[in-house]
């Protein structure tokens, strides 16, 4: 069955299933200038055009974005609060994403460190945001033991043209007109 989930759904699934992300971001916030065209609310949809998720992007500080993610049918209390910033690798923009309101693990204990997830992204037009997640195996096999941003960036640079590096399906978000 062909997947219809956006890549933020994949990110949510990774968090919920306990898949570990990278132990550090690819770079430092502020290396790539903030793109104000990303600000606003974006709607991610499935193949049938059904509204599946809302992603609101705003400015957290001078170099980081605040992301508010909510599936269309979820209550406000089930929203995910994330932060992100951009890094450029070989001319491709990547979002470094981590959860800001996920400080408890499944047992209710505080987590010791942030986990980072990476998505290539681009604006197809002012009204269409396209994102592609890294394959789950990239985290499990390539990034799990790396703790240095430089090592992570070098690994991504060396492997980003591999066929099995990115998910097959792009996440597509359209700017909300509301």
N, C-alpha and C. Protein backbone atom coordinates (compact mmCIF):
# COMPACT_ATOMS: atom_id res chain seq x y z
N UNK A 1 0.84 -1.18 0.00
CA UNK A 1 0.00 0.00 0.00
C UNK A 1 0.88 1.24 0.00
N UNK A 2 0.59 2.16 -0.89
CA UNK A 2 1.39 3.37 -0.99
C UNK A 2 1.17 4.27 0.21
N UNK A 3 2.26 4.75 0.77
CA UNK A 3 2.15 5.61 1.94
C UNK A 3 1.57 6.95 1.56
N UNK A 4 0.75 7.51 2.42
CA UNK A 4 0.19 8.83 2.19
C UNK A 4 0.55 9.80 3.30
N UNK A 5 1.41 9.40 4.19
CA UNK A 5 1.75 10.25 5.33
C UNK A 5 2.80 11.28 4.94
N UNK A 6 2.69 12.45 5.49
CA UNK A 6 3.74 13.45 5.32
C UNK A 6 4.93 13.05 6.18
N UNK A 7 6.05 13.69 5.94
CA UNK A 7 7.25 13.31 6.68
C UNK A 7 7.23 13.76 8.13
N UNK A 8 6.40 14.71 8.45
CA UNK A 8 6.27 15.00 9.87
C UNK A 8 5.52 13.89 10.57
N UNK A 9 4.61 13.20 9.86
CA UNK A 9 3.98 12.02 10.45
C UNK A 9 5.05 10.97 10.73
N UNK A 10 6.00 10.84 9.84
CA UNK A 10 7.09 9.89 10.05
C UNK A 10 7.88 10.30 11.29
N UNK A 11 8.14 11.60 11.41
CA UNK A 11 8.85 12.10 12.59
C UNK A 11 8.08 11.75 13.87
N UNK A 12 6.77 11.95 13.85
CA UNK A 12 5.94 11.63 15.01
C UNK A 12 6.02 10.14 15.30
N UNK A 13 5.93 9.33 14.26
CA UNK A 13 6.01 7.88 14.45
C UNK A 13 7.35 7.48 15.04
N UNK A 14 8.43 8.12 14.59
CA UNK A 14 9.75 7.82 15.14
C UNK A 14 9.80 8.13 16.63
N UNK A 15 9.24 9.27 17.00
CA UNK A 15 9.23 9.63 18.42
C UNK A 15 8.40 8.65 19.23
N UNK A 16 7.24 8.29 18.69
CA UNK A 16 6.34 7.43 19.45
C UNK A 16 6.82 5.99 19.54
N UNK A 17 7.53 5.52 18.52
CA UNK A 17 8.00 4.14 18.55
C UNK A 17 9.36 4.01 19.22
N UNK A 18 9.92 5.14 19.63
CA UNK A 18 11.17 5.08 20.36
C UNK A 18 12.41 5.01 19.48
N UNK A 19 12.26 5.20 18.19
CA UNK A 19 13.42 5.21 17.31
C UNK A 19 14.30 6.39 17.70
N UNK A 20 15.55 6.13 17.85
CA UNK A 20 16.46 7.19 18.27
C UNK A 20 16.86 8.05 17.09
N UNK A 21 16.92 9.33 17.33
CA UNK A 21 17.43 10.26 16.34
C UNK A 21 18.92 10.45 16.55
N UNK A 22 19.46 11.44 15.89
CA UNK A 22 20.87 11.76 16.05
C UNK A 22 21.08 12.42 17.42
N UNK A 23 22.29 12.30 17.95
CA UNK A 23 22.60 12.83 19.27
C UNK A 23 23.00 14.30 19.25
N UNK A 24 23.16 14.84 18.05
CA UNK A 24 23.53 16.25 17.91
C UNK A 24 22.95 16.75 16.58
N UNK A 25 22.80 18.05 16.46
CA UNK A 25 22.36 18.59 15.17
C UNK A 25 23.49 18.54 14.15
N UNK A 26 23.18 18.86 12.90
CA UNK A 26 24.17 18.88 11.82
C UNK A 26 25.10 20.07 11.87
N UNK A 27 24.65 21.10 12.51
CA UNK A 27 25.43 22.33 12.57
C UNK A 27 24.92 23.18 13.71
N UNK A 28 25.16 24.47 13.61
CA UNK A 28 24.73 25.39 14.65
C UNK A 28 23.64 26.32 14.11
N UNK A 29 22.71 26.66 14.98
CA UNK A 29 21.68 27.62 14.60
C UNK A 29 22.35 28.92 14.17
N UNK A 30 21.85 29.52 13.12
CA UNK A 30 22.38 30.79 12.63
C UNK A 30 23.33 30.66 11.46
N UNK A 31 23.74 29.43 11.11
CA UNK A 31 24.63 29.24 9.96
C UNK A 31 23.92 29.60 8.65
N UNK A 32 22.61 29.39 8.60
CA UNK A 32 21.80 29.74 7.44
C UNK A 32 20.78 30.77 7.92
N UNK A 33 20.65 31.86 7.18
CA UNK A 33 19.73 32.93 7.56
C UNK A 33 18.29 32.43 7.63
N UNK A 34 17.55 33.01 8.53
CA UNK A 34 16.13 32.70 8.70
C UNK A 34 15.39 33.08 7.41
N UNK A 35 14.52 32.21 6.92
CA UNK A 35 13.72 32.47 5.73
C UNK A 35 12.29 32.78 6.17
N UNK A 36 11.93 34.05 6.16
CA UNK A 36 10.63 34.49 6.63
C UNK A 36 9.49 34.00 5.75
N UNK A 37 9.80 33.54 4.55
CA UNK A 37 8.75 32.98 3.68
C UNK A 37 8.17 31.69 4.26
N UNK A 38 8.87 31.05 5.19
CA UNK A 38 8.38 29.82 5.80
C UNK A 38 7.34 30.09 6.89
N UNK A 39 7.28 31.31 7.39
CA UNK A 39 6.35 31.63 8.47
C UNK A 39 4.92 31.47 8.01
N UNK A 40 4.08 30.92 8.87
CA UNK A 40 2.66 30.77 8.58
C UNK A 40 2.20 29.36 8.90
N UNK A 41 1.00 29.05 8.50
CA UNK A 41 0.42 27.73 8.73
C UNK A 41 0.38 26.98 7.42
N UNK A 42 0.82 25.74 7.48
CA UNK A 42 0.92 24.87 6.31
C UNK A 42 0.03 23.65 6.55
N UNK A 43 -0.62 23.18 5.50
CA UNK A 43 -1.51 22.04 5.58
C UNK A 43 -0.88 20.89 4.80
N UNK A 44 -0.69 19.75 5.48
CA UNK A 44 -0.19 18.54 4.83
C UNK A 44 -1.36 17.64 4.53
N UNK A 45 -1.39 17.09 3.33
CA UNK A 45 -2.54 16.27 2.95
C UNK A 45 -2.13 14.94 2.38
N UNK A 46 -3.08 14.04 2.36
CA UNK A 46 -2.88 12.72 1.77
C UNK A 46 -3.19 12.74 0.29
N UNK A 47 -3.10 11.59 -0.33
CA UNK A 47 -3.32 11.49 -1.77
C UNK A 47 -4.71 11.96 -2.18
N UNK A 48 -5.71 11.69 -1.36
CA UNK A 48 -7.07 12.07 -1.69
C UNK A 48 -7.36 13.53 -1.44
N UNK A 49 -6.37 14.28 -0.99
CA UNK A 49 -6.55 15.70 -0.73
C UNK A 49 -7.14 15.98 0.64
N UNK A 50 -7.28 14.95 1.46
CA UNK A 50 -7.81 15.15 2.80
C UNK A 50 -6.80 15.89 3.67
N UNK A 51 -7.29 16.81 4.49
CA UNK A 51 -6.42 17.53 5.41
C UNK A 51 -6.00 16.59 6.52
N UNK A 52 -4.71 16.39 6.68
CA UNK A 52 -4.22 15.45 7.68
C UNK A 52 -3.46 16.12 8.81
N UNK A 53 -2.79 17.24 8.54
CA UNK A 53 -1.97 17.86 9.57
C UNK A 53 -1.82 19.35 9.33
N UNK A 54 -1.63 20.06 10.44
CA UNK A 54 -1.33 21.49 10.38
C UNK A 54 0.05 21.71 10.97
N UNK A 55 0.86 22.47 10.28
CA UNK A 55 2.19 22.83 10.74
C UNK A 55 2.28 24.34 10.74
N UNK A 56 2.47 24.92 11.91
CA UNK A 56 2.62 26.37 12.02
C UNK A 56 4.08 26.66 12.30
N UNK A 57 4.65 27.54 11.48
CA UNK A 57 6.06 27.91 11.61
C UNK A 57 6.13 29.39 11.98
N UNK A 58 6.86 29.69 13.04
CA UNK A 58 7.07 31.07 13.46
C UNK A 58 8.51 31.22 13.92
N UNK A 59 8.87 32.44 14.29
CA UNK A 59 10.23 32.71 14.74
C UNK A 59 10.34 32.45 16.23
N UNK A 60 11.27 31.59 16.62
CA UNK A 60 11.53 31.31 18.04
C UNK A 60 12.51 32.35 18.60
N UNK A 61 13.57 32.59 17.85
CA UNK A 61 14.58 33.58 18.21
C UNK A 61 15.26 34.02 16.92
N UNK A 62 16.41 34.65 17.00
CA UNK A 62 17.06 35.18 15.79
C UNK A 62 17.49 34.11 14.80
N UNK A 63 17.66 32.87 15.26
CA UNK A 63 18.21 31.85 14.37
C UNK A 63 17.43 30.53 14.36
N UNK A 64 16.33 30.45 15.11
CA UNK A 64 15.58 29.19 15.18
C UNK A 64 14.09 29.44 14.94
N UNK A 65 13.47 28.43 14.35
CA UNK A 65 12.04 28.44 14.10
C UNK A 65 11.33 27.70 15.23
N UNK A 66 10.14 28.15 15.57
CA UNK A 66 9.24 27.41 16.45
C UNK A 66 8.23 26.70 15.54
N UNK A 67 8.07 25.40 15.74
CA UNK A 67 7.11 24.63 14.95
C UNK A 67 6.03 24.11 15.88
N UNK A 68 4.80 24.24 15.45
CA UNK A 68 3.67 23.68 16.18
C UNK A 68 2.99 22.72 15.22
N UNK A 69 2.99 21.44 15.57
CA UNK A 69 2.46 20.40 14.70
C UNK A 69 1.22 19.79 15.34
N UNK A 70 0.17 19.67 14.55
CA UNK A 70 -1.07 19.09 15.05
C UNK A 70 -1.75 18.33 13.93
N UNK A 71 -2.10 17.09 14.21
CA UNK A 71 -2.92 16.35 13.26
C UNK A 71 -4.30 16.97 13.27
N UNK A 72 -4.97 16.97 12.14
CA UNK A 72 -6.24 17.68 11.98
C UNK A 72 -7.29 17.27 13.01
N UNK A 73 -7.30 16.03 13.41
CA UNK A 73 -8.35 15.55 14.31
C UNK A 73 -7.93 15.53 15.77
N UNK A 74 -6.72 15.96 16.08
CA UNK A 74 -6.24 15.93 17.47
C UNK A 74 -6.73 17.13 18.25
N UNK A 75 -6.76 16.97 19.56
CA UNK A 75 -7.09 18.07 20.46
C UNK A 75 -5.87 18.97 20.58
N UNK A 76 -6.12 20.20 21.00
CA UNK A 76 -5.02 21.15 21.16
C UNK A 76 -3.96 20.64 22.13
N UNK A 77 -4.37 19.88 23.14
CA UNK A 77 -3.43 19.37 24.13
C UNK A 77 -2.48 18.32 23.54
N UNK A 78 -2.78 17.81 22.35
CA UNK A 78 -1.95 16.78 21.72
C UNK A 78 -0.99 17.37 20.68
N UNK A 79 -0.87 18.69 20.63
CA UNK A 79 0.04 19.34 19.70
C UNK A 79 1.48 19.03 20.08
N UNK A 80 2.36 19.03 19.10
CA UNK A 80 3.79 18.87 19.37
C UNK A 80 4.48 20.22 19.17
N UNK A 81 5.29 20.57 20.13
CA UNK A 81 6.08 21.80 20.04
C UNK A 81 7.51 21.40 19.70
N UNK A 82 7.99 21.92 18.58
CA UNK A 82 9.31 21.57 18.06
C UNK A 82 10.09 22.85 17.81
N UNK A 83 11.40 22.70 17.71
CA UNK A 83 12.21 23.82 17.24
C UNK A 83 13.09 23.29 16.11
N UNK A 84 13.48 24.21 15.23
CA UNK A 84 14.27 23.82 14.07
C UNK A 84 15.15 24.98 13.62
N UNK A 85 16.19 24.62 12.91
CA UNK A 85 17.01 25.61 12.22
C UNK A 85 17.58 24.93 10.98
N UNK A 86 18.04 25.74 10.06
CA UNK A 86 18.52 25.21 8.78
C UNK A 86 20.03 25.08 8.74
N UNK A 87 20.48 24.06 8.02
CA UNK A 87 21.89 23.82 7.74
C UNK A 87 21.99 23.49 6.26
N UNK A 88 23.02 23.98 5.61
CA UNK A 88 23.23 23.67 4.19
C UNK A 88 24.36 22.65 4.06
N UNK A 89 24.07 21.57 3.33
CA UNK A 89 25.08 20.55 3.05
C UNK A 89 25.09 20.31 1.54
N UNK A 90 26.22 20.57 0.91
CA UNK A 90 26.36 20.41 -0.54
C UNK A 90 25.27 21.15 -1.30
N UNK A 91 24.89 22.32 -0.81
CA UNK A 91 23.88 23.14 -1.47
C UNK A 91 22.44 22.73 -1.20
N UNK A 92 22.23 21.74 -0.36
CA UNK A 92 20.88 21.28 -0.01
C UNK A 92 20.57 21.77 1.41
N UNK A 93 19.39 22.37 1.58
CA UNK A 93 18.98 22.82 2.89
C UNK A 93 18.38 21.66 3.68
N UNK A 94 18.79 21.55 4.93
CA UNK A 94 18.26 20.55 5.85
C UNK A 94 17.69 21.26 7.06
N UNK A 95 16.56 20.79 7.54
CA UNK A 95 16.02 21.24 8.81
C UNK A 95 16.56 20.32 9.89
N UNK A 96 17.11 20.90 10.95
CA UNK A 96 17.52 20.18 12.15
C UNK A 96 16.36 20.34 13.12
N UNK A 97 15.65 19.28 13.44
CA UNK A 97 14.41 19.37 14.21
C UNK A 97 14.55 18.57 15.50
N UNK A 98 14.11 19.18 16.61
CA UNK A 98 14.04 18.48 17.89
C UNK A 98 12.79 18.93 18.62
N UNK A 99 12.33 18.12 19.51
CA UNK A 99 11.11 18.39 20.27
C UNK A 99 11.45 19.27 21.46
N UNK A 100 10.63 20.30 21.70
CA UNK A 100 10.86 21.19 22.84
C UNK A 100 9.94 20.88 24.01
N UNK A 101 8.85 20.19 23.77
CA UNK A 101 7.90 19.88 24.85
C UNK A 101 7.76 18.37 25.00
N UNK A 102 8.85 17.68 24.87
CA UNK A 102 8.85 16.21 24.99
C UNK A 102 9.88 15.80 26.01
N UNK A 103 9.84 16.42 27.19
CA UNK A 103 10.89 16.15 28.16
C UNK A 103 10.63 14.93 29.02
N UNK A 104 9.63 14.13 28.70
CA UNK A 104 9.40 12.90 29.43
C UNK A 104 9.43 11.71 28.49
N UNK A 105 10.03 10.63 28.95
CA UNK A 105 10.01 9.40 28.16
C UNK A 105 8.75 8.61 28.51
N UNK A 106 8.62 7.41 28.01
CA UNK A 106 7.43 6.60 28.24
C UNK A 106 7.18 6.30 29.71
N UNK A 107 8.22 6.31 30.54
CA UNK A 107 8.08 6.02 31.96
C UNK A 107 7.80 7.28 32.79
N UNK A 108 7.74 8.44 32.13
CA UNK A 108 7.52 9.68 32.85
C UNK A 108 8.78 10.31 33.37
N UNK A 109 9.94 9.68 33.12
CA UNK A 109 11.22 10.23 33.56
C UNK A 109 11.74 11.22 32.53
N UNK A 110 12.47 12.21 32.99
CA UNK A 110 13.03 13.19 32.08
C UNK A 110 14.07 12.52 31.18
N UNK A 111 14.06 12.90 29.90
CA UNK A 111 15.08 12.38 28.98
C UNK A 111 16.38 13.13 29.23
N UNK A 112 17.49 12.45 28.97
CA UNK A 112 18.79 13.03 29.27
C UNK A 112 19.29 13.98 28.18
N UNK A 113 18.94 13.74 26.92
CA UNK A 113 19.46 14.58 25.84
C UNK A 113 18.46 14.69 24.72
N UNK A 114 18.62 15.74 23.93
CA UNK A 114 17.76 15.93 22.77
C UNK A 114 18.11 14.92 21.69
N UNK A 115 17.11 14.57 20.92
CA UNK A 115 17.33 13.78 19.71
C UNK A 115 17.00 14.67 18.54
N UNK A 116 17.80 14.59 17.50
CA UNK A 116 17.65 15.44 16.33
C UNK A 116 17.26 14.60 15.13
N UNK A 117 16.36 15.16 14.33
CA UNK A 117 15.90 14.52 13.09
C UNK A 117 16.13 15.51 11.96
N UNK A 118 16.43 15.00 10.79
CA UNK A 118 16.81 15.85 9.66
C UNK A 118 15.89 15.64 8.47
N UNK A 119 15.54 16.74 7.84
CA UNK A 119 14.69 16.73 6.65
C UNK A 119 15.30 17.68 5.63
N UNK A 120 15.47 17.25 4.39
CA UNK A 120 15.80 18.22 3.36
C UNK A 120 14.50 18.98 3.09
N UNK A 121 14.61 20.25 2.75
CA UNK A 121 13.39 21.01 2.48
C UNK A 121 13.65 22.10 1.46
N UNK A 122 12.57 22.49 0.79
CA UNK A 122 12.64 23.59 -0.16
C UNK A 122 11.24 24.15 -0.36
N UNK A 123 11.19 25.38 -0.79
CA UNK A 123 9.93 25.97 -1.20
C UNK A 123 9.79 25.75 -2.69
N UNK A 124 8.81 24.96 -3.07
CA UNK A 124 8.54 24.72 -4.49
C UNK A 124 7.97 25.99 -5.12
N UNK A 125 7.20 26.71 -4.33
CA UNK A 125 6.67 28.03 -4.66
C UNK A 125 6.41 28.71 -3.32
N UNK A 126 5.91 29.93 -3.33
CA UNK A 126 5.62 30.59 -2.06
C UNK A 126 4.54 29.87 -1.27
N UNK A 127 3.78 29.01 -1.94
CA UNK A 127 2.66 28.33 -1.28
C UNK A 127 2.83 26.83 -1.13
N UNK A 128 3.99 26.27 -1.52
CA UNK A 128 4.21 24.82 -1.41
C UNK A 128 5.58 24.55 -0.79
N UNK A 129 5.55 23.88 0.36
CA UNK A 129 6.76 23.48 1.08
C UNK A 129 6.94 21.98 0.89
N UNK A 130 8.12 21.57 0.45
CA UNK A 130 8.41 20.15 0.22
C UNK A 130 9.51 19.73 1.19
N UNK A 131 9.30 18.60 1.87
CA UNK A 131 10.29 18.08 2.82
C UNK A 131 10.48 16.60 2.57
N UNK A 132 11.72 16.14 2.74
CA UNK A 132 12.03 14.72 2.59
C UNK A 132 12.84 14.27 3.79
N UNK A 133 12.37 13.22 4.43
CA UNK A 133 13.03 12.69 5.63
C UNK A 133 14.16 11.74 5.26
N UNK A 134 15.10 11.59 6.17
CA UNK A 134 16.12 10.56 6.02
C UNK A 134 15.48 9.21 6.34
N UNK A 135 15.97 8.17 5.72
CA UNK A 135 15.50 6.81 6.02
C UNK A 135 15.82 6.47 7.47
N UNK A 136 14.98 5.68 8.08
CA UNK A 136 15.16 5.24 9.46
C UNK A 136 16.53 4.57 9.66
N UNK A 137 16.96 3.78 8.69
CA UNK A 137 18.25 3.08 8.80
C UNK A 137 19.44 4.03 8.85
N UNK A 138 19.30 5.23 8.30
CA UNK A 138 20.40 6.21 8.36
C UNK A 138 20.68 6.55 9.82
N UNK A 139 19.63 6.71 10.61
CA UNK A 139 19.81 6.99 12.04
C UNK A 139 20.37 5.77 12.76
N UNK A 140 19.78 4.59 12.47
CA UNK A 140 20.17 3.36 13.18
C UNK A 140 21.60 2.94 12.87
N UNK A 141 21.99 3.04 11.60
CA UNK A 141 23.29 2.50 11.18
C UNK A 141 24.38 3.55 11.04
N UNK A 142 24.02 4.76 10.62
CA UNK A 142 25.05 5.74 10.33
C UNK A 142 25.25 6.82 11.37
N UNK A 143 24.16 7.24 12.01
CA UNK A 143 24.26 8.40 12.89
C UNK A 143 24.21 8.08 14.38
N UNK A 144 23.86 6.85 14.74
CA UNK A 144 23.59 6.54 16.14
C UNK A 144 24.77 6.76 17.08
N UNK A 145 25.99 6.58 16.62
CA UNK A 145 27.15 6.72 17.49
C UNK A 145 27.88 8.06 17.33
N UNK A 146 27.39 8.91 16.43
CA UNK A 146 28.05 10.20 16.20
C UNK A 146 27.51 11.24 17.17
N UNK A 147 28.41 11.94 17.83
CA UNK A 147 28.01 12.95 18.81
C UNK A 147 28.50 14.35 18.45
N UNK A 148 29.24 14.46 17.36
CA UNK A 148 29.82 15.72 16.93
C UNK A 148 29.11 16.21 15.66
N UNK A 149 28.70 17.46 15.65
CA UNK A 149 27.99 18.02 14.50
C UNK A 149 28.81 17.93 13.21
N UNK A 150 30.11 18.13 13.32
CA UNK A 150 30.97 18.03 12.14
C UNK A 150 30.99 16.62 11.56
N UNK A 151 31.03 15.62 12.43
CA UNK A 151 31.00 14.22 11.97
C UNK A 151 29.65 13.90 11.32
N UNK A 152 28.57 14.42 11.91
CA UNK A 152 27.23 14.18 11.35
C UNK A 152 27.11 14.82 9.98
N UNK A 153 27.57 16.05 9.85
CA UNK A 153 27.50 16.74 8.56
C UNK A 153 28.36 16.02 7.51
N UNK A 154 29.54 15.56 7.91
CA UNK A 154 30.41 14.83 6.98
C UNK A 154 29.75 13.53 6.52
N UNK A 155 29.11 12.82 7.45
CA UNK A 155 28.42 11.57 7.09
C UNK A 155 27.30 11.85 6.10
N UNK A 156 26.52 12.88 6.37
CA UNK A 156 25.41 13.23 5.49
C UNK A 156 25.94 13.66 4.13
N UNK A 157 26.98 14.46 4.11
CA UNK A 157 27.58 14.90 2.86
C UNK A 157 28.06 13.72 2.01
N UNK A 158 28.67 12.74 2.66
CA UNK A 158 29.23 11.59 1.95
C UNK A 158 28.16 10.62 1.45
N UNK A 159 26.97 10.62 2.08
CA UNK A 159 25.97 9.60 1.75
C UNK A 159 24.68 10.14 1.15
N UNK A 160 24.52 11.44 1.03
CA UNK A 160 23.23 11.98 0.61
C UNK A 160 22.85 11.66 -0.83
N UNK A 161 23.77 11.15 -1.62
CA UNK A 161 23.42 10.72 -2.98
C UNK A 161 23.14 9.21 -3.06
N UNK A 162 23.29 8.50 -1.93
CA UNK A 162 22.97 7.07 -1.90
C UNK A 162 21.47 6.89 -2.13
N UNK A 163 21.10 5.86 -2.88
CA UNK A 163 19.70 5.59 -3.18
C UNK A 163 18.85 5.40 -1.92
N UNK A 164 19.39 4.79 -0.91
CA UNK A 164 18.61 4.47 0.28
C UNK A 164 18.77 5.50 1.41
N UNK A 165 19.24 6.69 1.09
CA UNK A 165 19.47 7.70 2.13
C UNK A 165 18.18 8.43 2.53
N UNK A 166 17.40 8.86 1.54
CA UNK A 166 16.16 9.59 1.79
C UNK A 166 14.95 8.67 1.63
N UNK A 167 13.87 9.01 2.32
CA UNK A 167 12.59 8.33 2.11
C UNK A 167 12.18 8.51 0.65
N UNK A 168 11.43 7.55 0.14
CA UNK A 168 10.99 7.60 -1.26
C UNK A 168 9.98 8.71 -1.52
N UNK A 169 9.16 9.01 -0.54
CA UNK A 169 8.06 9.95 -0.73
C UNK A 169 8.36 11.29 -0.06
N UNK A 170 8.09 12.36 -0.78
CA UNK A 170 8.23 13.71 -0.23
C UNK A 170 7.00 14.08 0.57
N UNK A 171 7.19 14.86 1.63
CA UNK A 171 6.07 15.47 2.33
C UNK A 171 5.76 16.79 1.64
N UNK A 172 4.49 17.06 1.39
CA UNK A 172 4.10 18.30 0.72
C UNK A 172 3.10 19.05 1.59
N UNK A 173 3.40 20.31 1.79
CA UNK A 173 2.53 21.17 2.59
C UNK A 173 2.15 22.37 1.77
N UNK A 174 0.88 22.72 1.80
CA UNK A 174 0.39 23.92 1.11
C UNK A 174 0.09 24.97 2.16
N UNK A 175 0.41 26.21 1.82
CA UNK A 175 0.17 27.31 2.74
C UNK A 175 -1.33 27.46 2.95
N UNK A 176 -1.73 27.58 4.21
CA UNK A 176 -3.13 27.78 4.55
C UNK A 176 -3.53 29.20 4.18
N UNK A 177 -4.69 29.32 3.59
CA UNK A 177 -5.19 30.65 3.20
C UNK A 177 -5.93 31.32 4.35
N UNK A 178 -6.12 30.62 5.46
CA UNK A 178 -6.87 31.19 6.60
C UNK A 178 -6.01 32.08 7.44
